[in-house]
Protein backbone atom coordinates (compact mmCIF):
# COMPACT_ATOMS: atom_id res chain seq x y z
CA MET A 1 -33.27 -12.18 182.70
CA GLU A 2 -33.79 -12.59 179.00
CA PRO A 3 -33.14 -9.74 176.56
CA THR A 4 -36.26 -8.07 175.14
CA ASP A 5 -37.25 -8.08 171.46
CA ASN A 6 -35.13 -4.98 170.84
CA GLY A 7 -32.08 -6.53 172.51
CA ASP A 8 -32.26 -4.57 175.76
CA ILE A 9 -31.56 -6.45 178.96
CA PRO A 10 -34.17 -5.77 181.66
CA VAL A 11 -32.79 -4.44 184.94
CA ARG A 12 -34.58 -4.11 188.29
CA ILE A 13 -33.75 -1.44 190.86
CA GLU A 14 -35.04 -1.32 194.41
CA CYS A 15 -35.00 1.96 196.33
CA ASN A 16 -36.92 3.91 198.94
CA LEU A 17 -39.25 6.86 198.31
CA ALA A 18 -36.55 9.46 198.97
CA ALA A 19 -34.25 7.85 196.41
CA LEU A 20 -37.10 7.64 193.88
CA ARG A 21 -37.72 11.37 194.29
CA VAL A 22 -34.01 12.11 193.74
CA LEU A 23 -33.88 9.84 190.68
CA HIS A 24 -36.90 11.56 189.15
CA LYS A 25 -35.47 15.02 189.89
CA SER A 26 -32.08 14.08 188.46
CA VAL A 27 -33.49 12.62 185.25
CA THR A 28 -35.81 15.62 184.85
CA GLU A 29 -32.83 17.98 185.13
CA ALA A 30 -30.79 15.87 182.71
CA TYR A 31 -33.66 16.01 180.22
CA LYS A 32 -34.11 19.78 180.61
CA ASN A 33 -30.38 20.46 180.27
CA TRP A 34 -29.67 17.89 177.57
CA PRO A 35 -26.69 19.29 175.67
CA GLY A 36 -27.55 17.68 172.36
CA GLY A 37 -25.96 14.83 170.52
CA ASP A 38 -27.63 11.48 169.89
CA PRO A 39 -31.38 12.21 169.81
CA ASN A 40 -32.10 8.68 171.09
CA GLU A 41 -30.51 9.70 174.38
CA GLN A 42 -33.05 12.48 174.81
CA VAL A 43 -35.86 10.06 173.96
CA GLU A 44 -34.57 7.61 176.59
CA LEU A 45 -34.35 10.39 179.19
CA GLU A 46 -37.94 11.36 178.44
CA LEU A 47 -39.13 7.75 178.77
CA ILE A 48 -37.23 7.28 182.03
CA ARG A 49 -38.52 10.61 183.40
CA ASP A 50 -42.11 9.75 182.57
CA GLY A 51 -41.79 6.22 183.96
CA LEU A 52 -40.29 7.48 187.21
CA PHE A 53 -43.06 10.06 187.53
CA ALA A 54 -45.73 7.41 187.03
CA LEU A 55 -44.06 5.16 189.59
CA LEU A 56 -43.72 8.03 192.06
CA MET A 57 -47.40 8.97 191.72
CA ASP A 58 -48.44 5.32 192.06
CA ILE A 59 -46.41 4.90 195.26
CA LEU A 60 -47.77 8.15 196.71
CA LEU A 61 -51.37 7.14 195.92
CA GLN A 62 -50.94 3.62 197.32
CA ASN A 63 -49.63 5.06 200.58
CA ASP A 64 -52.18 7.90 200.88
CA LEU A 65 -49.46 10.52 200.56
CA LEU A 66 -51.24 12.62 197.94
């Protein structure tokens, strides 16, 4: 995969619904309990949390689980 305009390298992860729920929960907790430091880390956690939530809702809707 080619790096994006900002230099990040795209990564793909495949997991099941249970793992997606755990990932979202874990990132949400990490965001809530962020100890401080580099503010970009908190921004990344927020983006990841929101992306995982959107993905989770999309999967639940597609599979009539909501």
